[in-house]
PDB file of N, CA and C in Angstrom:
ATOM      1  N   UNK A   1     211.198  96.628 -40.884  1.00  0.00           N
ATOM      2  CA  UNK A   1     212.017  95.625 -41.569  1.00  0.00           C
ATOM      3  C   UNK A   1     212.670  94.769 -40.547  1.00  0.00           C
ATOM      4  N   UNK A   2     212.586  93.468 -40.706  1.00  0.00           N
ATOM      5  CA  UNK A   2     213.178  92.504 -39.798  1.00  0.00           C
ATOM      6  C   UNK A   2     214.370  91.874 -40.477  1.00  0.00           C
ATOM      7  N   UNK A   3     215.458  91.713 -39.704  1.00  0.00           N
ATOM      8  CA  UNK A   3     216.686  91.070 -40.187  1.00  0.00           C
ATOM      9  C   UNK A   3     216.997  89.926 -39.272  1.00  0.00           C
ATOM     10  N   UNK A   4     217.207  88.780 -39.823  1.00  0.00           N
ATOM     11  CA  UNK A   4     217.480  87.536 -38.993  1.00  0.00           C
ATOM     12  C   UNK A   4     218.927  87.432 -38.589  1.00  0.00           C
ATOM     13  N   UNK A   5     219.103  86.941 -37.364  1.00  0.00           N
ATOM     14  CA  UNK A   5     220.453  86.701 -36.832  1.00  0.00           C
ATOM     15  C   UNK A   5     220.675  85.231 -36.929  1.00  0.00           C
ATOM     16  N   UNK A   6     221.860  84.844 -37.554  1.00  0.00           N
ATOM     17  CA  UNK A   6     222.155  83.420 -37.653  1.00  0.00           C
ATOM     18  C   UNK A   6     222.717  82.844 -36.389  1.00  0.00           C
ATOM     19  N   UNK A   7     222.963  81.587 -36.332  1.00  0.00           N
ATOM     20  CA  UNK A   7     223.577  80.925 -35.105  1.00  0.00           C
ATOM     21  C   UNK A   7     224.963  81.447 -34.843  1.00  0.00           C
ATOM     22  N   UNK A   8     225.590  81.962 -35.878  1.00  0.00           N
ATOM     23  CA  UNK A   8     226.954  82.558 -35.683  1.00  0.00           C
ATOM     24  C   UNK A   8     226.904  84.083 -35.434  1.00  0.00           C
ATOM     25  N   UNK A   9     225.675  84.562 -35.103  1.00  0.00           N
ATOM     26  CA  UNK A   9     225.450  85.973 -34.801  1.00  0.00           C
ATOM     27  C   UNK A   9     225.758  86.914 -35.943  1.00  0.00           C
ATOM     28  N   UNK A  10     225.582  86.409 -37.175  1.00  0.00           N
ATOM     29  CA  UNK A  10     225.792  87.188 -38.354  1.00  0.00           C
ATOM     30  C   UNK A  10     224.415  87.638 -38.890  1.00  0.00           C
ATOM     31  N   UNK A  11     224.413  88.779 -39.603  1.00  0.00           N
ATOM     32  CA  UNK A  11     223.187  89.276 -40.212  1.00  0.00           C
ATOM     33  C   UNK A  11     223.423  89.574 -41.683  1.00  0.00           C
ATOM     34  N   UNK A  12     222.387  89.536 -42.451  1.00  0.00           N
ATOM     35  CA  UNK A  12     222.481  89.893 -43.846  1.00  0.00           C
ATOM     36  C   UNK A  12     221.474  91.075 -44.063  1.00  0.00           C
ATOM     37  N   UNK A  13     221.995  92.174 -44.576  1.00  0.00           N
ATOM     38  CA  UNK A  13     221.139  93.311 -44.859  1.00  0.00           C
ATOM     39  C   UNK A  13     220.617  93.240 -46.280  1.00  0.00           C
ATOM     40  N   UNK A  14     219.437  93.709 -46.539  1.00  0.00           N
ATOM     41  CA  UNK A  14     218.909  93.785 -47.910  1.00  0.00           C
ATOM     42  C   UNK A  14     219.794  94.670 -48.766  1.00  0.00           C
ATOM     43  N   UNK A  15     220.027  94.299 -50.015  1.00  0.00           N
ATOM     44  CA  UNK A  15     220.842  95.026 -50.939  1.00  0.00           C
ATOM     45  C   UNK A  15     220.408  96.531 -51.049  1.00  0.00           C
ATOM     46  N   UNK A  16     219.110  96.711 -50.977  1.00  0.00           N
ATOM     47  CA  UNK A  16     218.601  98.102 -51.093  1.00  0.00           C
ATOM     48  C   UNK A  16     219.074  98.974 -49.971  1.00  0.00           C
ATOM     49  N   UNK A  17     219.101  98.409 -48.780  1.00  0.00           N
ATOM     50  CA  UNK A  17     219.528  99.167 -47.602  1.00  0.00           C
ATOM     51  C   UNK A  17     221.027  99.516 -47.754  1.00  0.00           C
ATOM     52  N   UNK A  18     221.804  98.522 -48.150  1.00  0.00           N
ATOM     53  CA  UNK A  18     223.274  98.814 -48.262  1.00  0.00           C
ATOM     54  C   UNK A  18     223.524  99.810 -49.337  1.00  0.00           C
ATOM     55  N   UNK A  19     222.765  99.759 -50.436  1.00  0.00           N
ATOM     56  CA  UNK A  19     222.910 100.736 -51.521  1.00  0.00           C
ATOM     57  C   UNK A  19     222.597 102.124 -51.093  1.00  0.00           C
ATOM     58  N   UNK A  20     221.476 102.260 -50.338  1.00  0.00           N
ATOM     59  CA  UNK A  20     221.083 103.569 -49.800  1.00  0.00           C
ATOM     60  C   UNK A  20     222.137 104.134 -48.828  1.00  0.00           C
ATOM     61  N   UNK A  21     222.787 103.213 -48.071  1.00  0.00           N
ATOM     62  CA  UNK A  21     223.865 103.698 -47.158  1.00  0.00           C
ATOM     63  C   UNK A  21     225.188 103.971 -47.849  1.00  0.00           C
ATOM     64  N   UNK A  22     225.249 103.565 -49.126  1.00  0.00           N
ATOM     65  CA  UNK A  22     226.439 103.812 -49.886  1.00  0.00           C
ATOM     66  C   UNK A  22     227.640 102.938 -49.448  1.00  0.00           C
ATOM     67  N   UNK A  23     227.336 101.711 -49.057  1.00  0.00           N
ATOM     68  CA  UNK A  23     228.406 100.776 -48.619  1.00  0.00           C
ATOM     69  C   UNK A  23     228.412  99.506 -49.481  1.00  0.00           C
ATOM     70  N   UNK A  24     229.557  98.878 -49.553  1.00  0.00           N
ATOM     71  CA  UNK A  24     229.656  97.648 -50.332  1.00  0.00           C
ATOM     72  C   UNK A  24     230.702  96.734 -49.696  1.00  0.00           C
ATOM     73  N   UNK A  25     231.031  95.659 -50.427  1.00  0.00           N
ATOM     74  CA  UNK A  25     231.964  94.689 -49.892  1.00  0.00           C
ATOM     75  C   UNK A  25     233.341  95.426 -49.464  1.00  0.00           C
ATOM     76  N   UNK A  26     233.825  95.039 -48.324  1.00  0.00           N
ATOM     77  CA  UNK A  26     235.043  95.664 -47.801  1.00  0.00           C
ATOM     78  C   UNK A  26     234.824  96.872 -46.967  1.00  0.00           C
ATOM     79  N   UNK A  27     233.668  97.490 -47.031  1.00  0.00           N
ATOM     80  CA  UNK A  27     233.379  98.664 -46.216  1.00  0.00           C
ATOM     81  C   UNK A  27     233.075  98.174 -44.752  1.00  0.00           C
ATOM     82  N   UNK A  28     233.079  99.120 -43.899  1.00  0.00           N
ATOM     83  CA  UNK A  28     232.802  98.862 -42.466  1.00  0.00           C
ATOM     84  C   UNK A  28     231.577  99.693 -42.053  1.00  0.00           C
ATOM     85  N   UNK A  29     230.876  99.184 -41.045  1.00  0.00           N
ATOM     86  CA  UNK A  29     229.755  99.880 -40.445  1.00  0.00           C
ATOM     87  C   UNK A  29     230.064 100.085 -38.945  1.00  0.00           C
ATOM     88  N   UNK A  30     229.691 101.280 -38.459  1.00  0.00           N
ATOM     89  CA  UNK A  30     229.911 101.612 -37.048  1.00  0.00           C
ATOM     90  C   UNK A  30     228.590 101.506 -36.286  1.00  0.00           C
ATOM     91  N   UNK A  31     228.634 100.792 -35.243  1.00  0.00           N
ATOM     92  CA  UNK A  31     227.434 100.626 -34.377  1.00  0.00           C
ATOM     93  C   UNK A  31     227.662 101.446 -33.084  1.00  0.00           C
ATOM     94  N   UNK A  32     226.793 102.431 -32.848  1.00  0.00           N
ATOM     95  CA  UNK A  32     226.920 103.215 -31.613  1.00  0.00           C
ATOM     96  C   UNK A  32     225.671 103.166 -30.802  1.00  0.00           C
ATOM     97  N   UNK A  33     225.763 103.227 -29.532  1.00  0.00           N
ATOM     98  CA  UNK A  33     224.579 103.234 -28.667  1.00  0.00           C
ATOM     99  C   UNK A  33     223.915 104.570 -28.689  1.00  0.00           C
ATOM    100  N   UNK A  34     222.625 104.520 -28.800  1.00  0.00           N
ATOM    101  CA  UNK A  34     221.759 105.725 -28.812  1.00  0.00           C
ATOM    102  C   UNK A  34     220.575 105.561 -27.872  1.00  0.00           C
ATOM    103  N   UNK A  35     219.863 106.576 -27.672  1.00  0.00           N
ATOM    104  CA  UNK A  35     218.707 106.434 -26.781  1.00  0.00           C
ATOM    105  C   UNK A  35     217.705 105.504 -27.376  1.00  0.00           C
ATOM    106  N   UNK A  36     217.366 104.493 -26.608  1.00  0.00           N
ATOM    107  CA  UNK A  36     216.366 103.497 -27.040  1.00  0.00           C
ATOM    108  C   UNK A  36     216.885 102.398 -27.988  1.00  0.00           C
ATOM    109  N   UNK A  37     218.246 102.310 -28.186  1.00  0.00           N
ATOM    110  CA  UNK A  37     218.754 101.287 -29.044  1.00  0.00           C
ATOM    111  C   UNK A  37     220.139 101.621 -29.577  1.00  0.00           C
ATOM    112  N   UNK A  38     220.366 101.337 -30.847  1.00  0.00           N
ATOM    113  CA  UNK A  38     221.629 101.535 -31.487  1.00  0.00           C
ATOM    114  C   UNK A  38     221.505 102.221 -32.806  1.00  0.00           C
ATOM    115  N   UNK A  39     222.546 102.855 -33.335  1.00  0.00           N
ATOM    116  CA  UNK A  39     222.573 103.472 -34.622  1.00  0.00           C
ATOM    117  C   UNK A  39     223.709 102.810 -35.407  1.00  0.00           C
ATOM    118  N   UNK A  40     223.453 102.416 -36.652  1.00  0.00           N
ATOM    119  CA  UNK A  40     224.366 101.860 -37.545  1.00  0.00           C
ATOM    120  C   UNK A  40     224.658 102.784 -38.694  1.00  0.00           C
ATOM    121  N   UNK A  41     225.959 103.149 -38.900  1.00  0.00           N
ATOM    122  CA  UNK A  41     226.245 104.062 -39.979  1.00  0.00           C
ATOM    123  C   UNK A  41     227.570 103.711 -40.600  1.00  0.00           C
ATOM    124  N   UNK A  42     227.786 104.090 -41.874  1.00  0.00           N
ATOM    125  CA  UNK A  42     229.029 103.792 -42.524  1.00  0.00           C
ATOM    126  C   UNK A  42     230.238 104.330 -41.823  1.00  0.00           C
ATOM    127  N   UNK A  43     231.308 103.563 -41.778  1.00  0.00           N
ATOM    128  CA  UNK A  43     232.557 104.081 -41.278  1.00  0.00           C
ATOM    129  C   UNK A  43     233.432 104.501 -42.461  1.00  0.00           C
ATOM    130  N   UNK A  44     233.610 105.784 -42.657  1.00  0.00           N
ATOM    131  CA  UNK A  44     234.236 106.299 -43.836  1.00  0.00           C
ATOM    132  C   UNK A  44     235.773 106.318 -43.652  1.00  0.00           C
ATOM    133  N   UNK A  45     236.493 106.281 -44.757  1.00  0.00           N
ATOM    134  CA  UNK A  45     237.925 106.400 -44.795  1.00  0.00           C
ATOM    135  C   UNK A  45     238.290 107.801 -44.452  1.00  0.00           C
ATOM    136  N   UNK A  46     239.240 107.999 -43.537  1.00  0.00           N
ATOM    137  CA  UNK A  46     239.703 109.340 -43.169  1.00  0.00           C
ATOM    138  C   UNK A  46     240.684 109.770 -44.190  1.00  0.00           C
ATOM    139  N   UNK A  47     240.231 110.724 -45.096  1.00  0.00           N
ATOM    140  CA  UNK A  47     241.077 111.113 -46.238  1.00  0.00           C
ATOM    141  C   UNK A  47     242.358 111.847 -45.758  1.00  0.00           C
ATOM    142  N   UNK A  48     242.337 112.450 -44.553  1.00  0.00           N
ATOM    143  CA  UNK A  48     243.518 113.115 -44.104  1.00  0.00           C
ATOM    144  C   UNK A  48     244.663 112.127 -43.871  1.00  0.00           C
ATOM    145  N   UNK A  49     244.408 110.893 -43.626  1.00  0.00           N
ATOM    146  CA  UNK A  49     245.405 109.892 -43.436  1.00  0.00           C
ATOM    147  C   UNK A  49     246.070 109.548 -44.779  1.00  0.00           C
ATOM    148  N   UNK A  50     245.452 109.876 -45.873  1.00  0.00           N
ATOM    149  CA  UNK A  50     245.981 109.601 -47.220  1.00  0.00           C
ATOM    150  C   UNK A  50     246.847 110.759 -47.731  1.00  0.00           C
ATOM    151  N   UNK A  51     246.662 111.940 -47.117  1.00  0.00           N
ATOM    152  CA  UNK A  51     247.333 113.166 -47.625  1.00  0.00           C
ATOM    153  C   UNK A  51     248.853 113.054 -47.690  1.00  0.00           C
ATOM    154  N   UNK A  52     249.455 112.277 -46.821  1.00  0.00           N
ATOM    155  CA  UNK A  52     250.885 112.137 -46.787  1.00  0.00           C
ATOM    156  C   UNK A  52     251.447 111.445 -48.046  1.00  0.00           C
ATOM    157  N   UNK A  53     250.631 110.900 -48.838  1.00  0.00           N
ATOM    158  CA  UNK A  53     251.036 110.167 -50.079  1.00  0.00           C
ATOM    159  C   UNK A  53     251.194 111.109 -51.211  1.00  0.00           C
ATOM    160  N   UNK A  54     250.647 112.342 -51.086  1.00  0.00           N
ATOM    161  CA  UNK A  54     250.595 113.287 -52.220  1.00  0.00           C
ATOM    162  C   UNK A  54     251.930 113.456 -52.855  1.00  0.00           C
ATOM    163  N   UNK A  55     252.978 113.743 -51.985  1.00  0.00           N
ATOM    164  CA  UNK A  55     254.349 114.017 -52.501  1.00  0.00           C
ATOM    165  C   UNK A  55     255.017 112.753 -53.001  1.00  0.00           C
ATOM    166  N   UNK A  56     254.494 111.612 -52.739  1.00  0.00           N
ATOM    167  CA  UNK A  56     255.165 110.308 -53.154  1.00  0.00           C
ATOM    168  C   UNK A  56     254.622 109.765 -54.431  1.00  0.00           C
ATOM    169  N   UNK A  57     253.582 110.322 -54.956  1.00  0.00           N
ATOM    170  CA  UNK A  57     252.977 109.802 -56.176  1.00  0.00           C
ATOM    171  C   UNK A  57     253.530 110.573 -57.375  1.00  0.00           C
ATOM    172  N   UNK A  58     254.057 109.772 -58.327  1.00  0.00           N
ATOM    173  CA  UNK A  58     254.652 110.377 -59.563  1.00  0.00           C
ATOM    174  C   UNK A  58     253.575 110.970 -60.444  1.00  0.00           C
ATOM    175  N   UNK A  59     253.905 112.048 -61.141  1.00  0.00           N
ATOM    176  CA  UNK A  59     252.898 112.737 -62.000  1.00  0.00           C
ATOM    177  C   UNK A  59     252.319 111.796 -63.071  1.00  0.00           C
ATOM    178  N   UNK A  60     253.037 110.827 -63.499  1.00  0.00           N
ATOM    179  CA  UNK A  60     252.548 109.958 -64.579  1.00  0.00           C
ATOM    180  C   UNK A  60     251.628 108.834 -64.063  1.00  0.00           C
ATOM    181  N   UNK A  61     251.430 108.796 -62.739  1.00  0.00           N
ATOM    182  CA  UNK A  61     250.545 107.797 -62.170  1.00  0.00           C
ATOM    183  C   UNK A  61     249.099 108.027 -62.621  1.00  0.00           C
ATOM    184  N   UNK A  62     248.376 106.988 -63.049  1.00  0.00           N
ATOM    185  CA  UNK A  62     247.019 107.188 -63.535  1.00  0.00           C
ATOM    186  C   UNK A  62     246.101 107.650 -62.391  1.00  0.00           C
ATOM    187  N   UNK A  63     244.972 108.215 -62.724  1.00  0.00           N
ATOM    188  CA  UNK A  63     244.068 108.754 -61.700  1.00  0.00           C
ATOM    189  C   UNK A  63     243.558 107.583 -60.880  1.00  0.00           C
ATOM    190  N   UNK A  64     243.085 107.966 -59.717  1.00  0.00           N
ATOM    191  CA  UNK A  64     242.573 106.988 -58.715  1.00  0.00           C
ATOM    192  C   UNK A  64     241.134 106.602 -59.070  1.00  0.00           C
ATOM    193  N   UNK A  65     240.827 105.271 -59.065  1.00  0.00           N
ATOM    194  CA  UNK A  65     239.485 104.787 -59.338  1.00  0.00           C
ATOM    195  C   UNK A  65     238.863 104.307 -58.059  1.00  0.00           C
ATOM    196  N   UNK A  66     238.007 105.087 -57.480  1.00  0.00           N
ATOM    197  CA  UNK A  66     237.364 104.787 -56.200  1.00  0.00           C
ATOM    198  C   UNK A  66     236.565 103.483 -56.276  1.00  0.00           C
ATOM    199  N   UNK A  67     235.888 103.207 -57.373  1.00  0.00           N
ATOM    200  CA  UNK A  67     235.104 101.969 -57.489  1.00  0.00           C
ATOM    201  C   UNK A  67     235.978 100.684 -57.391  1.00  0.00           C
ATOM    202  N   UNK A  68     237.114 100.710 -58.061  1.00  0.00           N
ATOM    203  CA  UNK A  68     238.050  99.602 -57.933  1.00  0.00           C
ATOM    204  C   UNK A  68     238.612  99.463 -56.533  1.00  0.00           C
ATOM    205  N   UNK A  69     238.917 100.571 -55.942  1.00  0.00           N
ATOM    206  CA  UNK A  69     239.384 100.610 -54.552  1.00  0.00           C
ATOM    207  C   UNK A  69     238.399  99.914 -53.631  1.00  0.00           C
ATOM    208  N   UNK A  70     237.158 100.372 -53.770  1.00  0.00           N
ATOM    209  CA  UNK A  70     236.128  99.797 -52.850  1.00  0.00           C
ATOM    210  C   UNK A  70     235.911  98.292 -53.110  1.00  0.00           C
ATOM    211  N   UNK A  71     236.042  97.863 -54.344  1.00  0.00           N
ATOM    212  CA  UNK A  71     235.884  96.429 -54.663  1.00  0.00           C
ATOM    213  C   UNK A  71     236.956  95.631 -54.024  1.00  0.00           C
ATOM    214  N   UNK A  72     238.201  96.141 -53.935  1.00  0.00           N
ATOM    215  CA  UNK A  72     239.314  95.449 -53.425  1.00  0.00           C
ATOM    216  C   UNK A  72     239.307  95.403 -51.887  1.00  0.00           C
ATOM    217  N   UNK A  73     238.720  96.426 -51.261  1.00  0.00           N
ATOM    218  CA  UNK A  73     238.722  96.565 -49.833  1.00  0.00           C
ATOM    219  C   UNK A  73     240.003  97.249 -49.373  1.00  0.00           C
ATOM    220  N   UNK A  74     240.101  97.528 -48.136  1.00  0.00           N
ATOM    221  CA  UNK A  74     241.318  98.238 -47.582  1.00  0.00           C
ATOM    222  C   UNK A  74     241.498  97.909 -46.154  1.00  0.00           C
ATOM    223  N   UNK A  75     242.694  98.128 -45.673  1.00  0.00           N
ATOM    224  CA  UNK A  75     243.042  97.751 -44.280  1.00  0.00           C
ATOM    225  C   UNK A  75     242.501  98.671 -43.233  1.00  0.00           C
ATOM    226  N   UNK A  76     242.499  98.194 -42.060  1.00  0.00           N
ATOM    227  CA  UNK A  76     241.906  98.962 -40.880  1.00  0.00           C
ATOM    228  C   UNK A  76     242.652 100.289 -40.621  1.00  0.00           C
ATOM    229  N   UNK A  77     243.887 100.423 -41.051  1.00  0.00           N
ATOM    230  CA  UNK A  77     244.565 101.717 -40.704  1.00  0.00           C
ATOM    231  C   UNK A  77     244.061 102.889 -41.482  1.00  0.00           C
ATOM    232  N   UNK A  78     243.199 102.658 -42.470  1.00  0.00           N
ATOM    233  CA  UNK A  78     242.605 103.746 -43.248  1.00  0.00           C
ATOM    234  C   UNK A  78     241.448 104.346 -42.603  1.00  0.00           C
ATOM    235  N   UNK A  79     240.988 103.736 -41.462  1.00  0.00           N
ATOM    236  CA  UNK A  79     239.772 104.187 -40.796  1.00  0.00           C
ATOM    237  C   UNK A  79     240.126 105.238 -39.679  1.00  0.00           C
ATOM    238  N   UNK A  80     239.117 106.078 -39.390  1.00  0.00           N
ATOM    239  CA  UNK A  80     239.304 106.968 -38.272  1.00  0.00           C
ATOM    240  C   UNK A  80     239.220 106.210 -36.963  1.00  0.00           C
ATOM    241  N   UNK A  81     239.926 106.668 -35.942  1.00  0.00           N
ATOM    242  CA  UNK A  81     239.867 105.955 -34.657  1.00  0.00           C
ATOM    243  C   UNK A  81     238.602 106.387 -33.915  1.00  0.00           C
TER     244      UNK A  81
END
């Protein structure tokens, strides 16, 4: 599969590839050097960084909707270092 690089050094991945990777708008990908090239993989939210909120959420708060959260995107502090 070939992916074109634009003059601004941007690339567009086929929707099928992104779906298989489980990523969408607002998500991040991590590029790491590997033997013979590079590996691209999803950068997941570190759930342990969200654990401190447990005692601050009121019991009447509605359940968390991960799909809405992913559609909105989230800040870089939610990522692992």
